Amino acid sequence: MSDRMTPEQRLASSSITLPAALPAFGQYVPAVVHGNQLWVGGHFGTRPDGSVYTGRCGQDVDTPLAREAARSAAINLVATIRETLGSLDRVVRIATVHGVVNATPEFVEHTAVIDAASDVLVEIFGGAGHHTRLAVGVSSLPANLVLEIQAVAVVAGEVAGEVAGEVAG
C-alpha cells in the first residue's frame, strides 16, 4: 500500500476490520487527547468471539499465539484511536508503543511478539506508523492477559480535552 494513501484508505483496502472500541473497565478512560498528542492506554487482544487472550508466554502460550494476541491488541488500539478522533486520518504519527508481555523468566521473544502489533500500525498508518518502542516481560498481568500495549500518537490540530469512553462522574 502506498504512503500516498490515507490511513482510512489503507484500512479500507486491508483485511483488517475494526471492532467496537474496548470500554474502560474501571475509573480511567481508554484515550485522552491533550494538545496535539493522543495518549492511548493499555489494550489487550480479543478473539473474534469476544474472548480475551490469556496465559503466560513460555508456559501455556507460544510465540505464534502471543503474536495473534498482539495483532488483535493493536487492532483494538486502532479502534480506540478512531473512536476518539473520529477519523484515523487525524493521526500524523504514531510516536511510541509500549508492549508488556506476561512471560516466564526464560521467555525471551518479547520483541517478536510485540512486532505483530507494530506491523498493524505500519500497515494502517504507513510511514507514519513507524514508532519508537519498548517491549518487556512481566511476571503477571491483570486477568492473566497475554499482553498489553499502549501508544502515544501525534495528531493534526490541537483539541484539548477529547476523551474516549469517559467515565461519568
Protein backbone atom coordinates (compact mmCIF):
# COMPACT_ATOMS: atom_id res chain seq x y z
CA MET A 1 0.00 0.00 0.00
CA SER A 2 1.25 3.45 -0.90
CA ASP A 3 2.23 6.13 1.62
CA ARG A 4 0.07 8.45 -0.51
CA MET A 5 -3.00 6.67 0.81
CA THR A 6 -4.61 7.99 3.96
CA PRO A 7 -4.88 5.71 7.00
CA GLU A 8 -8.62 5.33 6.37
CA GLN A 9 -7.91 4.32 2.76
CA ARG A 10 -5.23 1.85 3.88
CA LEU A 11 -7.63 0.34 6.41
CA ALA A 12 -10.38 0.02 3.78
CA SER A 13 -8.03 -1.77 1.38
CA SER A 14 -6.63 -4.09 4.06
CA SER A 15 -8.03 -7.29 5.51
CA ILE A 16 -8.46 -5.58 8.89
CA THR A 17 -11.93 -4.95 10.27
CA LEU A 18 -12.04 -2.72 13.31
CA PRO A 19 -14.22 -3.95 16.17
CA ALA A 20 -16.05 -1.63 18.53
CA ALA A 21 -13.59 0.13 20.79
CA LEU A 22 -12.99 -1.59 24.12
CA PRO A 23 -14.72 0.09 27.06
CA ALA A 24 -12.96 1.21 30.21
CA PHE A 25 -13.03 -1.44 32.93
CA GLY A 26 -12.51 0.94 35.86
CA GLN A 27 -12.05 4.56 36.81
CA TYR A 28 -9.98 5.52 33.79
CA VAL A 29 -10.56 6.32 30.12
CA PRO A 30 -9.16 4.41 27.13
CA ALA A 31 -7.66 7.52 25.49
CA VAL A 32 -7.10 11.22 26.03
CA VAL A 33 -6.14 13.96 23.58
CA HIS A 34 -4.16 16.84 25.01
CA GLY A 35 -2.74 19.44 22.68
CA ASN A 36 -1.57 17.56 19.62
CA GLN A 37 -0.95 14.26 21.42
CA LEU A 38 -3.24 11.26 21.78
CA TRP A 39 -2.45 9.03 24.76
CA VAL A 40 -3.98 5.58 24.35
CA GLY A 41 -3.97 3.40 27.47
CA GLY A 42 -3.37 -0.33 27.73
CA HIS A 43 -5.12 -2.55 25.17
CA PHE A 44 -5.24 -6.33 25.04
CA GLY A 45 -6.10 -8.87 22.38
CA THR A 46 -9.57 -10.30 21.83
CA ARG A 47 -10.64 -13.18 19.61
CA PRO A 48 -13.43 -12.87 17.02
CA ASP A 49 -15.86 -14.42 19.53
CA GLY A 50 -15.02 -11.66 22.03
CA SER A 51 -13.00 -13.83 24.39
CA VAL A 52 -9.72 -12.44 25.70
CA TYR A 53 -6.28 -13.90 25.02
CA THR A 54 -4.99 -15.14 28.37
CA GLY A 55 -1.98 -17.08 29.55
CA ARG A 56 1.72 -16.75 30.10
CA CYS A 57 4.33 -16.83 27.33
CA GLY A 58 6.82 -19.61 27.88
CA GLN A 59 4.32 -21.56 29.95
CA ASP A 60 0.94 -22.07 28.23
CA VAL A 61 1.26 -19.57 25.35
CA ASP A 62 3.75 -19.91 22.49
CA THR A 63 5.13 -17.08 20.36
CA PRO A 64 2.72 -17.51 17.41
CA LEU A 65 -0.32 -17.35 19.72
CA ALA A 66 1.15 -14.34 21.55
CA ARG A 67 1.67 -12.62 18.17
CA GLU A 68 -2.05 -13.19 17.41
CA ALA A 69 -2.85 -11.51 20.72
CA ALA A 70 -0.52 -8.60 19.90
CA ARG A 71 -2.06 -8.14 16.44
CA SER A 72 -5.53 -8.11 17.97
CA ALA A 73 -4.44 -5.70 20.71
CA ALA A 74 -3.14 -3.28 18.06
CA ILE A 75 -6.39 -3.54 16.10
CA ASN A 76 -8.31 -2.81 19.31
CA LEU A 77 -5.99 0.16 19.95
CA VAL A 78 -6.65 1.50 16.44
CA ALA A 79 -10.40 1.18 17.06
CA THR A 80 -9.97 3.39 20.13
CA ILE A 81 -7.95 5.89 18.11
CA ARG A 82 -10.72 6.12 15.52
CA GLU A 83 -13.45 6.42 18.16
CA THR A 84 -11.53 9.17 19.95
CA LEU A 85 -10.54 11.21 16.91
CA GLY A 86 -13.45 10.44 14.57
CA SER A 87 -11.02 9.50 11.79
CA LEU A 88 -7.66 7.77 11.58
CA ASP A 89 -6.65 10.47 9.11
CA ARG A 90 -6.06 12.87 12.03
CA VAL A 91 -3.03 10.79 13.08
CA VAL A 92 0.17 12.47 11.94
CA ARG A 93 2.47 9.87 13.53
CA ILE A 94 2.47 7.01 15.96
CA ALA A 95 5.24 8.25 18.27
CA THR A 96 5.75 5.34 20.64
CA VAL A 97 4.37 1.96 21.63
CA HIS A 98 4.95 0.19 24.92
CA GLY A 99 4.35 -3.55 24.97
CA VAL A 100 4.17 -5.59 28.15
CA VAL A 101 4.22 -9.38 27.80
CA ASN A 102 3.07 -11.81 30.50
CA ALA A 103 6.04 -14.20 30.47
CA THR A 104 8.16 -16.68 32.35
CA PRO A 105 11.73 -15.58 33.17
CA GLU A 106 13.00 -17.95 30.45
CA PHE A 107 10.87 -16.40 27.67
CA VAL A 108 12.98 -14.06 25.55
CA GLU A 109 10.85 -13.38 22.45
CA HIS A 110 9.14 -10.20 23.70
CA THR A 111 10.17 -8.17 20.66
CA ALA A 112 8.99 -10.86 18.24
CA VAL A 113 5.60 -10.80 19.97
CA ILE A 114 5.20 -7.02 20.01
CA ASP A 115 6.41 -6.84 16.38
CA ALA A 116 2.96 -8.13 15.41
CA ALA A 117 1.38 -5.02 16.96
CA SER A 118 3.92 -2.76 15.25
CA ASP A 119 3.13 -4.44 11.92
CA VAL A 120 -0.55 -3.48 12.23
CA LEU A 121 0.30 0.16 12.93
CA VAL A 122 2.61 0.37 9.91
CA GLU A 123 0.01 -1.41 7.73
CA ILE A 124 -2.63 1.17 8.63
CA PHE A 125 -0.57 4.36 9.07
CA GLY A 126 2.19 3.69 6.52
CA GLY A 127 5.45 5.51 7.25
CA ALA A 128 3.71 7.49 9.99
CA GLY A 129 3.16 4.17 11.77
CA HIS A 130 6.88 3.65 12.40
CA HIS A 131 7.43 4.36 16.08
CA THR A 132 9.79 4.04 18.98
CA ARG A 133 9.02 1.05 21.15
CA LEU A 134 9.54 -0.72 24.41
CA ALA A 135 8.84 -4.46 24.70
CA VAL A 136 9.27 -6.00 28.12
CA GLY A 137 8.19 -9.06 30.06
CA VAL A 138 6.48 -9.13 33.43
CA SER A 139 5.59 -11.98 35.76
CA SER A 140 1.85 -11.32 35.60
CA LEU A 141 -0.82 -9.07 34.11
CA PRO A 142 -4.40 -8.37 35.24
CA ALA A 143 -6.82 -11.22 34.48
CA ASN A 144 -3.83 -13.25 33.22
CA LEU A 145 -3.78 -11.26 29.95
CA VAL A 146 -1.12 -12.42 27.48
CA LEU A 147 -0.02 -8.83 26.89
CA GLU A 148 -0.97 -5.18 26.87
CA ILE A 149 0.11 -2.38 24.56
CA GLN A 150 -0.25 1.36 24.86
CA ALA A 151 0.70 4.15 22.47
CA VAL A 152 1.18 7.87 22.05
CA ALA A 153 0.32 9.47 18.72
CA VAL A 154 0.77 12.95 17.30
CA VAL A 155 -2.50 14.27 15.89
CA ALA A 156 -3.40 17.03 13.46
CA GLY A 157 -4.83 20.07 15.17
CA GLU A 158 -4.90 20.90 18.83
CA VAL A 159 -8.07 19.84 20.60
CA ALA A 160 -7.62 19.69 24.35
CA GLY A 161 -9.98 17.60 26.38
CA GLU A 162 -11.14 14.95 23.90
CA VAL A 163 -11.66 11.73 25.78
CA ALA A 164 -12.78 8.25 24.62
CA GLY A 165 -15.11 6.29 26.87
CA GLU A 166 -15.28 9.00 29.51
CA VAL A 167 -16.43 7.75 32.88
CA ALA A 168 -19.44 9.64 34.21
CA GLY A 169 -18.53 11.33 37.46
